[in-house]
Amino acid sequence: MSSYMENHDAVIQNLEDAGCDPETVAKLMELGMTGNRKNQLKLLEQHRKRLLEKVHENEKRIDCLDYLVFQMSKEKKD
């Protein structure tokens, strides 16, 4: 069975595509090379949490815009 760390370029590209900054990518790669899976997973979970917080912030913004559009459309019909 091959390790996901065997293809460094693919792992780095995946981390960059996931929005990890260069410092996080370097730290994750270092942890991966030393076999420190526990701390790797911890860093990935922290990054995931930050991304999800951004999603929720943007959902709230979209809700505000939707409400405004609804109110404007309602006035137009009156």
N, C-alpha and C. Protein backbone atom coordinates (compact mmCIF):
# COMPACT_ATOMS: atom_id res chain seq x y z
N MET A 1 0.85 -1.18 0.00
CA MET A 1 0.00 0.00 0.00
C MET A 1 0.89 1.24 0.00
N SER A 2 0.60 2.18 -0.87
CA SER A 2 1.43 3.37 -0.96
C SER A 2 0.90 4.47 -0.04
N SER A 3 1.81 5.32 0.39
CA SER A 3 1.46 6.42 1.26
C SER A 3 1.06 7.64 0.43
N TYR A 4 0.11 8.39 0.92
CA TYR A 4 -0.30 9.62 0.24
C TYR A 4 0.86 10.60 0.11
N MET A 5 1.87 10.48 0.97
CA MET A 5 3.01 11.40 0.97
C MET A 5 4.03 11.09 -0.13
N GLU A 6 3.86 9.98 -0.83
CA GLU A 6 4.82 9.61 -1.87
C GLU A 6 4.83 10.61 -3.02
N ASN A 7 3.70 11.19 -3.32
CA ASN A 7 3.63 12.17 -4.41
C ASN A 7 3.55 13.58 -3.80
N HIS A 8 4.69 14.12 -3.44
CA HIS A 8 4.77 15.43 -2.76
C HIS A 8 4.07 16.52 -3.56
N ASP A 9 4.30 16.54 -4.86
CA ASP A 9 3.72 17.60 -5.68
C ASP A 9 2.20 17.58 -5.63
N ALA A 10 1.62 16.38 -5.68
CA ALA A 10 0.16 16.26 -5.63
C ALA A 10 -0.38 16.70 -4.27
N VAL A 11 0.32 16.35 -3.20
CA VAL A 11 -0.11 16.75 -1.86
C VAL A 11 -0.03 18.27 -1.73
N ILE A 12 1.07 18.84 -2.17
CA ILE A 12 1.24 20.30 -2.10
C ILE A 12 0.16 21.00 -2.92
N GLN A 13 -0.11 20.50 -4.11
CA GLN A 13 -1.13 21.11 -4.96
C GLN A 13 -2.50 21.02 -4.29
N ASN A 14 -2.79 19.89 -3.67
CA ASN A 14 -4.07 19.73 -2.98
C ASN A 14 -4.20 20.72 -1.84
N LEU A 15 -3.13 20.89 -1.07
CA LEU A 15 -3.16 21.83 0.06
C LEU A 15 -3.33 23.26 -0.44
N GLU A 16 -2.64 23.61 -1.52
CA GLU A 16 -2.78 24.96 -2.09
C GLU A 16 -4.20 25.16 -2.63
N ASP A 17 -4.73 24.14 -3.29
CA ASP A 17 -6.10 24.23 -3.80
C ASP A 17 -7.11 24.39 -2.67
N ALA A 18 -6.77 23.85 -1.51
CA ALA A 18 -7.64 23.96 -0.34
C ALA A 18 -7.47 25.30 0.38
N GLY A 19 -6.59 26.15 -0.14
CA GLY A 19 -6.42 27.48 0.43
C GLY A 19 -5.39 27.58 1.54
N CYS A 20 -4.57 26.56 1.69
CA CYS A 20 -3.53 26.62 2.73
C CYS A 20 -2.44 27.60 2.29
N ASP A 21 -1.97 28.42 3.23
CA ASP A 21 -0.88 29.34 2.92
C ASP A 21 0.44 28.57 2.90
N PRO A 22 1.49 29.16 2.33
CA PRO A 22 2.77 28.46 2.21
C PRO A 22 3.33 27.95 3.53
N GLU A 23 3.13 28.71 4.59
CA GLU A 23 3.62 28.28 5.91
C GLU A 23 2.91 27.01 6.37
N THR A 24 1.61 26.96 6.18
CA THR A 24 0.84 25.78 6.57
C THR A 24 1.22 24.58 5.71
N VAL A 25 1.39 24.81 4.42
CA VAL A 25 1.81 23.73 3.52
C VAL A 25 3.14 23.15 3.99
N ALA A 26 4.09 24.02 4.27
CA ALA A 26 5.41 23.57 4.71
C ALA A 26 5.32 22.77 6.01
N LYS A 27 4.53 23.26 6.94
CA LYS A 27 4.39 22.57 8.23
C LYS A 27 3.73 21.21 8.05
N LEU A 28 2.69 21.15 7.22
CA LEU A 28 2.02 19.89 6.98
C LEU A 28 2.95 18.88 6.29
N MET A 29 3.74 19.36 5.35
CA MET A 29 4.68 18.46 4.67
C MET A 29 5.75 17.96 5.64
N GLU A 30 6.23 18.85 6.49
CA GLU A 30 7.24 18.46 7.48
C GLU A 30 6.68 17.40 8.42
N LEU A 31 5.46 17.64 8.90
CA LEU A 31 4.83 16.66 9.79
C LEU A 31 4.60 15.33 9.07
N GLY A 32 4.24 15.41 7.80
CA GLY A 32 4.03 14.19 7.03
C GLY A 32 5.30 13.39 6.84
N MET A 33 6.39 14.08 6.60
CA MET A 33 7.66 13.39 6.39
C MET A 33 8.17 12.73 7.67
N THR A 34 7.81 13.29 8.81
CA THR A 34 8.23 12.70 10.08
C THR A 34 7.20 11.70 10.62
N GLY A 35 6.11 11.55 9.89
CA GLY A 35 5.09 10.58 10.29
C GLY A 35 4.20 11.05 11.43
N ASN A 36 4.16 12.35 11.66
CA ASN A 36 3.36 12.90 12.75
C ASN A 36 1.92 13.15 12.26
N ARG A 37 1.21 12.07 12.02
CA ARG A 37 -0.14 12.14 11.46
C ARG A 37 -1.11 12.88 12.39
N LYS A 38 -0.96 12.68 13.68
CA LYS A 38 -1.86 13.31 14.65
C LYS A 38 -1.84 14.84 14.51
N ASN A 39 -0.66 15.44 14.47
CA ASN A 39 -0.57 16.89 14.35
C ASN A 39 -0.93 17.39 12.95
N GLN A 40 -0.68 16.53 11.95
CA GLN A 40 -1.11 16.89 10.60
C GLN A 40 -2.63 17.02 10.56
N LEU A 41 -3.30 16.02 11.10
CA LEU A 41 -4.77 16.04 11.11
C LEU A 41 -5.30 17.22 11.92
N LYS A 42 -4.61 17.56 12.99
CA LYS A 42 -5.02 18.69 13.82
C LYS A 42 -4.94 20.00 13.00
N LEU A 43 -3.84 20.19 12.27
CA LEU A 43 -3.70 21.39 11.43
C LEU A 43 -4.75 21.43 10.33
N LEU A 44 -5.00 20.30 9.71
CA LEU A 44 -6.00 20.25 8.65
C LEU A 44 -7.39 20.57 9.20
N GLU A 45 -7.70 20.06 10.37
CA GLU A 45 -9.00 20.35 10.99
C GLU A 45 -9.13 21.83 11.33
N GLN A 46 -8.04 22.44 11.79
CA GLN A 46 -8.07 23.88 12.08
C GLN A 46 -8.32 24.68 10.81
N HIS A 47 -7.66 24.29 9.73
CA HIS A 47 -7.86 24.99 8.46
C HIS A 47 -9.29 24.81 7.97
N ARG A 48 -9.79 23.60 8.08
CA ARG A 48 -11.17 23.31 7.68
C ARG A 48 -12.16 24.17 8.48
N LYS A 49 -11.91 24.30 9.76
CA LYS A 49 -12.78 25.10 10.63
C LYS A 49 -12.78 26.57 10.18
N ARG A 50 -11.60 27.10 9.84
CA ARG A 50 -11.53 28.49 9.36
C ARG A 50 -12.29 28.66 8.05
N LEU A 51 -12.16 27.69 7.16
CA LEU A 51 -12.88 27.76 5.89
C LEU A 51 -14.39 27.72 6.12
N LEU A 52 -14.82 26.86 7.01
CA LEU A 52 -16.25 26.74 7.29
C LEU A 52 -16.79 28.01 7.93
N GLU A 53 -16.01 28.65 8.77
CA GLU A 53 -16.43 29.93 9.36
C GLU A 53 -16.63 30.98 8.27
N LYS A 54 -15.76 30.98 7.27
CA LYS A 54 -15.91 31.92 6.15
C LYS A 54 -17.17 31.62 5.35
N VAL A 55 -17.46 30.34 5.17
CA VAL A 55 -18.68 29.95 4.47
C VAL A 55 -19.90 30.50 5.22
N HIS A 56 -19.92 30.32 6.53
CA HIS A 56 -21.05 30.79 7.32
C HIS A 56 -21.17 32.31 7.28
N GLU A 57 -20.05 33.00 7.33
CA GLU A 57 -20.09 34.46 7.22
C GLU A 57 -20.70 34.88 5.89
N ASN A 58 -20.30 34.22 4.82
CA ASN A 58 -20.82 34.56 3.50
C ASN A 58 -22.27 34.16 3.33
N GLU A 59 -22.69 33.08 3.98
CA GLU A 59 -24.11 32.70 3.95
C GLU A 59 -24.96 33.80 4.57
N LYS A 60 -24.48 34.37 5.67
CA LYS A 60 -25.21 35.47 6.33
C LYS A 60 -25.30 36.67 5.39
N ARG A 61 -24.23 36.97 4.69
CA ARG A 61 -24.23 38.08 3.75
C ARG A 61 -25.21 37.84 2.61
N ILE A 62 -25.22 36.62 2.12
CA ILE A 62 -26.16 36.27 1.05
C ILE A 62 -27.60 36.40 1.55
N ASP A 63 -27.86 35.96 2.78
CA ASP A 63 -29.20 36.11 3.35
C ASP A 63 -29.61 37.57 3.41
N CYS A 64 -28.68 38.46 3.76
CA CYS A 64 -28.98 39.89 3.81
C CYS A 64 -29.33 40.41 2.42
N LEU A 65 -28.56 39.99 1.43
CA LEU A 65 -28.86 40.42 0.05
C LEU A 65 -30.19 39.86 -0.43
N ASP A 66 -30.45 38.61 -0.12
CA ASP A 66 -31.73 38.01 -0.51
C ASP A 66 -32.90 38.75 0.11
N TYR A 67 -32.75 39.15 1.37
CA TYR A 67 -33.82 39.89 2.03
C TYR A 67 -34.05 41.24 1.35
N LEU A 68 -32.96 41.91 1.01
CA LEU A 68 -33.08 43.21 0.33
C LEU A 68 -33.75 43.04 -1.03
N VAL A 69 -33.34 42.04 -1.78
CA VAL A 69 -33.96 41.78 -3.08
C VAL A 69 -35.44 41.47 -2.90
N PHE A 70 -35.77 40.69 -1.90
CA PHE A 70 -37.17 40.37 -1.62
C PHE A 70 -37.96 41.64 -1.32
N GLN A 71 -37.42 42.49 -0.47
CA GLN A 71 -38.10 43.73 -0.11
C GLN A 71 -38.27 44.64 -1.33
N MET A 72 -37.26 44.73 -2.16
CA MET A 72 -37.33 45.56 -3.37
C MET A 72 -38.35 45.00 -4.35
N SER A 73 -38.38 43.71 -4.50
CA SER A 73 -39.35 43.07 -5.41
C SER A 73 -40.76 43.26 -4.91
N LYS A 74 -40.95 43.21 -3.62
CA LYS A 74 -42.26 43.38 -3.01
C LYS A 74 -42.77 44.80 -3.27
N GLU A 75 -41.90 45.80 -3.14
CA GLU A 75 -42.31 47.18 -3.40
C GLU A 75 -42.68 47.40 -4.86
N LYS A 76 -41.95 46.74 -5.73
CA LYS A 76 -42.17 46.87 -7.17
C LYS A 76 -43.58 46.42 -7.54
N LYS A 77 -44.10 45.40 -6.87
CA LYS A 77 -45.41 44.85 -7.16
C LYS A 77 -46.53 45.74 -6.63
N ASP A 78 -46.24 46.52 -5.63
CA ASP A 78 -47.26 47.37 -5.00
C ASP A 78 -47.68 48.50 -5.89
